[in-house]
């Protein structure tokens, strides 16, 4: 027989999804196949493909994360790094890129996830001209993900995709 007390004890409501763990899937080691447009915003249709290794880890008690990107043969001395920070009040992510070629933090793109897709946009300058940058992330299960970068020279009316990264979990 069930006791009256157990029938009256409320079941805790599931924690609200605030977005702060949306990039947790990225933690660990990845093999990345890159497809990169050779010349951006120039009508170019020629792409290069290369592989890289990437490792991501949490920082700031989970309110951010870093990753390190190292190509295997394309620009062998190149090291890139992404800093992602979550703003709990706004429930939005800011994503910053830096590399050892430019040695500076690029302007951020900001946004959030809806389901398994995250869209992040921001203002930047390319070849001396103002552009809008868009990152689109897709979670494809625990073993795969996809990232795309696009530039718009006309405030988002048209977009040129210029970099695609296909992530596969590296279990070696």
C-alpha atoms as a PDB file:
ATOM      1  CA  UNK A   1       0.000   0.000   0.000  1.00  0.00           C
ATOM      2  CA  UNK A   2       1.338   3.460  -0.978  1.00  0.00           C
ATOM      3  CA  UNK A   3       1.654   5.987   1.817  1.00  0.00           C
ATOM      4  CA  UNK A   4      -0.170   9.315   1.669  1.00  0.00           C
ATOM      5  CA  UNK A   5       3.122  11.173   2.072  1.00  0.00           C
ATOM      6  CA  UNK A   6       4.703   9.632  -1.023  1.00  0.00           C
ATOM      7  CA  UNK A   7       1.626  10.446  -3.127  1.00  0.00           C
ATOM      8  CA  UNK A   8       1.783  14.105  -2.082  1.00  0.00           C
ATOM      9  CA  UNK A   9       5.497  14.651  -2.640  1.00  0.00           C
ATOM     10  CA  UNK A  10       5.813  16.695  -5.822  1.00  0.00           C
ATOM     11  CA  UNK A  11       8.104  15.518  -8.570  1.00  0.00           C
ATOM     12  CA  UNK A  12      10.800  18.110  -9.166  1.00  0.00           C
ATOM     13  CA  UNK A  13      10.353  19.997 -12.407  1.00  0.00           C
ATOM     14  CA  UNK A  14      13.123  19.506 -14.954  1.00  0.00           C
ATOM     15  CA  UNK A  15      15.735  22.248 -14.881  1.00  0.00           C
ATOM     16  CA  UNK A  16      15.048  25.026 -17.360  1.00  0.00           C
ATOM     17  CA  UNK A  17      17.277  24.981 -20.418  1.00  0.00           C
ATOM     18  CA  UNK A  18      19.274  28.221 -20.312  1.00  0.00           C
ATOM     19  CA  UNK A  19      21.728  27.331 -23.097  1.00  0.00           C
ATOM     20  CA  UNK A  20      24.839  27.304 -20.908  1.00  0.00           C
ATOM     21  CA  UNK A  21      25.661  23.696 -21.842  1.00  0.00           C
ATOM     22  CA  UNK A  22      24.905  23.911 -25.560  1.00  0.00           C
ATOM     23  CA  UNK A  23      28.576  23.533 -26.533  1.00  0.00           C
ATOM     24  CA  UNK A  24      29.368  20.721 -24.065  1.00  0.00           C
ATOM     25  CA  UNK A  25      29.100  18.221 -26.942  1.00  0.00           C
ATOM     26  CA  UNK A  26      32.305  19.723 -28.346  1.00  0.00           C
ATOM     27  CA  UNK A  27      34.515  18.781 -25.376  1.00  0.00           C
ATOM     28  CA  UNK A  28      37.223  16.301 -26.241  1.00  0.00           C
ATOM     29  CA  UNK A  29      39.248  15.430 -29.325  1.00  0.00           C
ATOM     30  CA  UNK A  30      38.095  15.753 -32.920  1.00  0.00           C
ATOM     31  CA  UNK A  31      39.350  15.045 -36.405  1.00  0.00           C
ATOM     32  CA  UNK A  32      38.186  17.870 -38.674  1.00  0.00           C
ATOM     33  CA  UNK A  33      37.810  17.801 -42.452  1.00  0.00           C
ATOM     34  CA  UNK A  34      37.971  21.394 -43.696  1.00  0.00           C
ATOM     35  CA  UNK A  35      36.630  22.751 -46.975  1.00  0.00           C
ATOM     36  CA  UNK A  36      37.836  26.342 -47.435  1.00  0.00           C
ATOM     37  CA  UNK A  37      37.090  28.733 -50.285  1.00  0.00           C
ATOM     38  CA  UNK A  38      40.407  29.921 -51.731  1.00  0.00           C
ATOM     39  CA  UNK A  39      39.374  33.583 -52.188  1.00  0.00           C
ATOM     40  CA  UNK A  40      36.537  35.181 -50.276  1.00  0.00           C
ATOM     41  CA  UNK A  41      34.009  37.647 -51.671  1.00  0.00           C
ATOM     42  CA  UNK A  42      35.721  37.512 -55.058  1.00  0.00           C
ATOM     43  CA  UNK A  43      33.368  35.245 -57.032  1.00  0.00           C
ATOM     44  CA  UNK A  44      35.744  32.335 -56.472  1.00  0.00           C
ATOM     45  CA  UNK A  45      34.426  28.765 -56.754  1.00  0.00           C
ATOM     46  CA  UNK A  46      37.722  26.973 -55.993  1.00  0.00           C
ATOM     47  CA  UNK A  47      37.943  25.141 -52.665  1.00  0.00           C
ATOM     48  CA  UNK A  48      40.798  23.495 -50.803  1.00  0.00           C
ATOM     49  CA  UNK A  49      40.328  20.529 -48.483  1.00  0.00           C
ATOM     50  CA  UNK A  50      42.561  19.624 -45.556  1.00  0.00           C
ATOM     51  CA  UNK A  51      42.400  17.848 -42.214  1.00  0.00           C
ATOM     52  CA  UNK A  52      43.069  19.130 -38.732  1.00  0.00           C
ATOM     53  CA  UNK A  53      42.898  18.044 -35.120  1.00  0.00           C
ATOM     54  CA  UNK A  54      40.885  19.973 -32.590  1.00  0.00           C
ATOM     55  CA  UNK A  55      40.563  19.665 -28.835  1.00  0.00           C
ATOM     56  CA  UNK A  56      37.951  21.521 -26.740  1.00  0.00           C
ATOM     57  CA  UNK A  57      37.614  21.916 -22.975  1.00  0.00           C
ATOM     58  CA  UNK A  58      35.453  23.888 -20.485  1.00  0.00           C
ATOM     59  CA  UNK A  59      36.583  27.035 -18.652  1.00  0.00           C
ATOM     60  CA  UNK A  60      35.114  29.359 -16.032  1.00  0.00           C
ATOM     61  CA  UNK A  61      33.152  26.628 -14.272  1.00  0.00           C
ATOM     62  CA  UNK A  62      31.262  25.817 -17.468  1.00  0.00           C
ATOM     63  CA  UNK A  63      30.359  29.344 -18.570  1.00  0.00           C
ATOM     64  CA  UNK A  64      32.824  29.118 -21.413  1.00  0.00           C
ATOM     65  CA  UNK A  65      35.108  26.873 -23.378  1.00  0.00           C
ATOM     66  CA  UNK A  66      38.229  26.928 -25.491  1.00  0.00           C
ATOM     67  CA  UNK A  67      39.394  24.849 -28.392  1.00  0.00           C
ATOM     68  CA  UNK A  68      42.691  24.538 -30.184  1.00  0.00           C
ATOM     69  CA  UNK A  69      42.780  23.873 -33.934  1.00  0.00           C
ATOM     70  CA  UNK A  70      45.918  22.431 -35.581  1.00  0.00           C
ATOM     71  CA  UNK A  71      46.012  21.545 -39.290  1.00  0.00           C
ATOM     72  CA  UNK A  72      47.908  18.396 -40.152  1.00  0.00           C
ATOM     73  CA  UNK A  73      49.441  19.593 -43.435  1.00  0.00           C
ATOM     74  CA  UNK A  74      47.782  22.901 -44.430  1.00  0.00           C
ATOM     75  CA  UNK A  75      49.947  25.634 -42.957  1.00  0.00           C
ATOM     76  CA  UNK A  76      51.652  23.199 -40.550  1.00  0.00           C
ATOM     77  CA  UNK A  77      52.712  25.934 -38.116  1.00  0.00           C
ATOM     78  CA  UNK A  78      49.204  27.407 -37.946  1.00  0.00           C
ATOM     79  CA  UNK A  79      47.412  27.275 -34.592  1.00  0.00           C
ATOM     80  CA  UNK A  80      43.888  28.588 -34.196  1.00  0.00           C
ATOM     81  CA  UNK A  81      41.845  28.945 -31.059  1.00  0.00           C
ATOM     82  CA  UNK A  82      38.195  29.636 -30.329  1.00  0.00           C
ATOM     83  CA  UNK A  83      36.951  31.239 -27.118  1.00  0.00           C
ATOM     84  CA  UNK A  84      33.240  30.819 -26.400  1.00  0.00           C
ATOM     85  CA  UNK A  85      31.586  32.666 -23.499  1.00  0.00           C
ATOM     86  CA  UNK A  86      28.007  32.271 -22.296  1.00  0.00           C
ATOM     87  CA  UNK A  87      26.101  35.280 -20.928  1.00  0.00           C
ATOM     88  CA  UNK A  88      23.539  33.868 -18.453  1.00  0.00           C
ATOM     89  CA  UNK A  89      21.468  37.082 -18.335  1.00  0.00           C
ATOM     90  CA  UNK A  90      21.079  37.254 -22.123  1.00  0.00           C
ATOM     91  CA  UNK A  91      21.213  33.442 -22.586  1.00  0.00           C
ATOM     92  CA  UNK A  92      23.472  34.004 -25.588  1.00  0.00           C
ATOM     93  CA  UNK A  93      26.938  32.904 -26.611  1.00  0.00           C
ATOM     94  CA  UNK A  94      29.777  35.096 -27.844  1.00  0.00           C
ATOM     95  CA  UNK A  95      32.353  33.329 -30.018  1.00  0.00           C
ATOM     96  CA  UNK A  96      35.821  34.776 -30.596  1.00  0.00           C
ATOM     97  CA  UNK A  97      38.523  33.484 -32.960  1.00  0.00           C
ATOM     98  CA  UNK A  98      42.261  34.003 -32.717  1.00  0.00           C
ATOM     99  CA  UNK A  99      45.284  32.459 -34.386  1.00  0.00           C
ATOM    100  CA  UNK A 100      49.046  32.695 -34.340  1.00  0.00           C
ATOM    101  CA  UNK A 101      49.074  34.418 -37.750  1.00  0.00           C
ATOM    102  CA  UNK A 102      47.117  37.519 -36.699  1.00  0.00           C
ATOM    103  CA  UNK A 103      47.833  37.314 -32.963  1.00  0.00           C
ATOM    104  CA  UNK A 104      44.652  39.211 -32.054  1.00  0.00           C
ATOM    105  CA  UNK A 105      41.128  38.398 -30.927  1.00  0.00           C
ATOM    106  CA  UNK A 106      38.695  38.737 -33.845  1.00  0.00           C
ATOM    107  CA  UNK A 107      35.359  40.528 -33.237  1.00  0.00           C
ATOM    108  CA  UNK A 108      32.773  38.123 -31.794  1.00  0.00           C
ATOM    109  CA  UNK A 109      29.749  36.549 -33.355  1.00  0.00           C
ATOM    110  CA  UNK A 110      26.826  36.132 -30.957  1.00  0.00           C
ATOM    111  CA  UNK A 111      23.766  33.948 -30.898  1.00  0.00           C
ATOM    112  CA  UNK A 112      22.132  30.888 -29.484  1.00  0.00           C
ATOM    113  CA  UNK A 113      20.974  27.374 -30.210  1.00  0.00           C
ATOM    114  CA  UNK A 114      17.534  26.225 -31.293  1.00  0.00           C
ATOM    115  CA  UNK A 115      17.495  22.455 -30.997  1.00  0.00           C
ATOM    116  CA  UNK A 116      20.598  21.039 -32.667  1.00  0.00           C
ATOM    117  CA  UNK A 117      21.391  24.164 -34.700  1.00  0.00           C
ATOM    118  CA  UNK A 118      23.209  27.239 -33.425  1.00  0.00           C
ATOM    119  CA  UNK A 119      23.354  30.482 -35.407  1.00  0.00           C
ATOM    120  CA  UNK A 120      25.799  33.237 -34.475  1.00  0.00           C
ATOM    121  CA  UNK A 121      26.316  36.550 -36.308  1.00  0.00           C
ATOM    122  CA  UNK A 122      28.487  39.617 -35.940  1.00  0.00           C
ATOM    123  CA  UNK A 123      30.093  42.575 -37.657  1.00  0.00           C
ATOM    124  CA  UNK A 124      33.647  42.440 -38.977  1.00  0.00           C
ATOM    125  CA  UNK A 125      35.866  43.922 -41.665  1.00  0.00           C
ATOM    126  CA  UNK A 126      37.247  41.977 -44.623  1.00  0.00           C
ATOM    127  CA  UNK A 127      39.676  43.484 -47.153  1.00  0.00           C
ATOM    128  CA  UNK A 128      38.924  46.909 -45.700  1.00  0.00           C
ATOM    129  CA  UNK A 129      35.147  46.582 -46.152  1.00  0.00           C
ATOM    130  CA  UNK A 130      32.503  46.049 -43.438  1.00  0.00           C
ATOM    131  CA  UNK A 131      30.892  42.613 -43.544  1.00  0.00           C
ATOM    132  CA  UNK A 132      28.518  40.496 -41.508  1.00  0.00           C
ATOM    133  CA  UNK A 133      29.815  37.090 -40.441  1.00  0.00           C
ATOM    134  CA  UNK A 134      27.572  34.113 -39.689  1.00  0.00           C
ATOM    135  CA  UNK A 135      28.580  30.842 -38.028  1.00  0.00           C
ATOM    136  CA  UNK A 136      26.144  27.930 -38.217  1.00  0.00           C
ATOM    137  CA  UNK A 137      26.763  24.969 -35.924  1.00  0.00           C
ATOM    138  CA  UNK A 138      24.962  21.634 -36.235  1.00  0.00           C
ATOM    139  CA  UNK A 139      25.131  18.866 -33.651  1.00  0.00           C
ATOM    140  CA  UNK A 140      24.959  15.559 -35.506  1.00  0.00           C
ATOM    141  CA  UNK A 141      24.919  13.223 -32.510  1.00  0.00           C
ATOM    142  CA  UNK A 142      27.712  12.412 -30.051  1.00  0.00           C
ATOM    143  CA  UNK A 143      30.256  11.503 -32.748  1.00  0.00           C
ATOM    144  CA  UNK A 144      29.831  14.249 -35.354  1.00  0.00           C
ATOM    145  CA  UNK A 145      29.203  17.971 -35.844  1.00  0.00           C
ATOM    146  CA  UNK A 146      29.357  20.546 -38.632  1.00  0.00           C
ATOM    147  CA  UNK A 147      30.363  24.206 -38.669  1.00  0.00           C
ATOM    148  CA  UNK A 148      29.944  26.666 -41.533  1.00  0.00           C
ATOM    149  CA  UNK A 149      31.148  30.231 -41.932  1.00  0.00           C
ATOM    150  CA  UNK A 150      29.525  32.747 -44.280  1.00  0.00           C
ATOM    151  CA  UNK A 151      30.268  36.374 -45.132  1.00  0.00           C
ATOM    152  CA  UNK A 152      27.768  38.986 -46.259  1.00  0.00           C
ATOM    153  CA  UNK A 153      29.002  42.233 -47.821  1.00  0.00           C
ATOM    154  CA  UNK A 154      25.458  43.693 -47.876  1.00  0.00           C
ATOM    155  CA  UNK A 155      24.182  43.444 -44.275  1.00  0.00           C
ATOM    156  CA  UNK A 156      22.754  39.953 -44.672  1.00  0.00           C
ATOM    157  CA  UNK A 157      20.896  40.240 -47.971  1.00  0.00           C
ATOM    158  CA  UNK A 158      23.276  37.768 -49.631  1.00  0.00           C
ATOM    159  CA  UNK A 159      25.738  35.292 -48.134  1.00  0.00           C
ATOM    160  CA  UNK A 160      28.868  33.563 -49.371  1.00  0.00           C
ATOM    161  CA  UNK A 161      29.790  30.307 -47.652  1.00  0.00           C
ATOM    162  CA  UNK A 162      33.591  30.191 -47.377  1.00  0.00           C
ATOM    163  CA  UNK A 163      34.522  27.556 -44.815  1.00  0.00           C
ATOM    164  CA  UNK A 164      32.952  24.230 -43.814  1.00  0.00           C
ATOM    165  CA  UNK A 165      34.290  22.008 -41.047  1.00  0.00           C
ATOM    166  CA  UNK A 166      33.077  18.428 -40.609  1.00  0.00           C
ATOM    167  CA  UNK A 167      33.879  17.076 -37.142  1.00  0.00           C
ATOM    168  CA  UNK A 168      34.315  13.395 -36.304  1.00  0.00           C
ATOM    169  CA  UNK A 169      35.051  12.309 -32.746  1.00  0.00           C
ATOM    170  CA  UNK A 170      38.682  11.199 -32.410  1.00  0.00           C
ATOM    171  CA  UNK A 171      38.799   8.133 -30.163  1.00  0.00           C
ATOM    172  CA  UNK A 172      42.498   7.322 -30.616  1.00  0.00           C
END
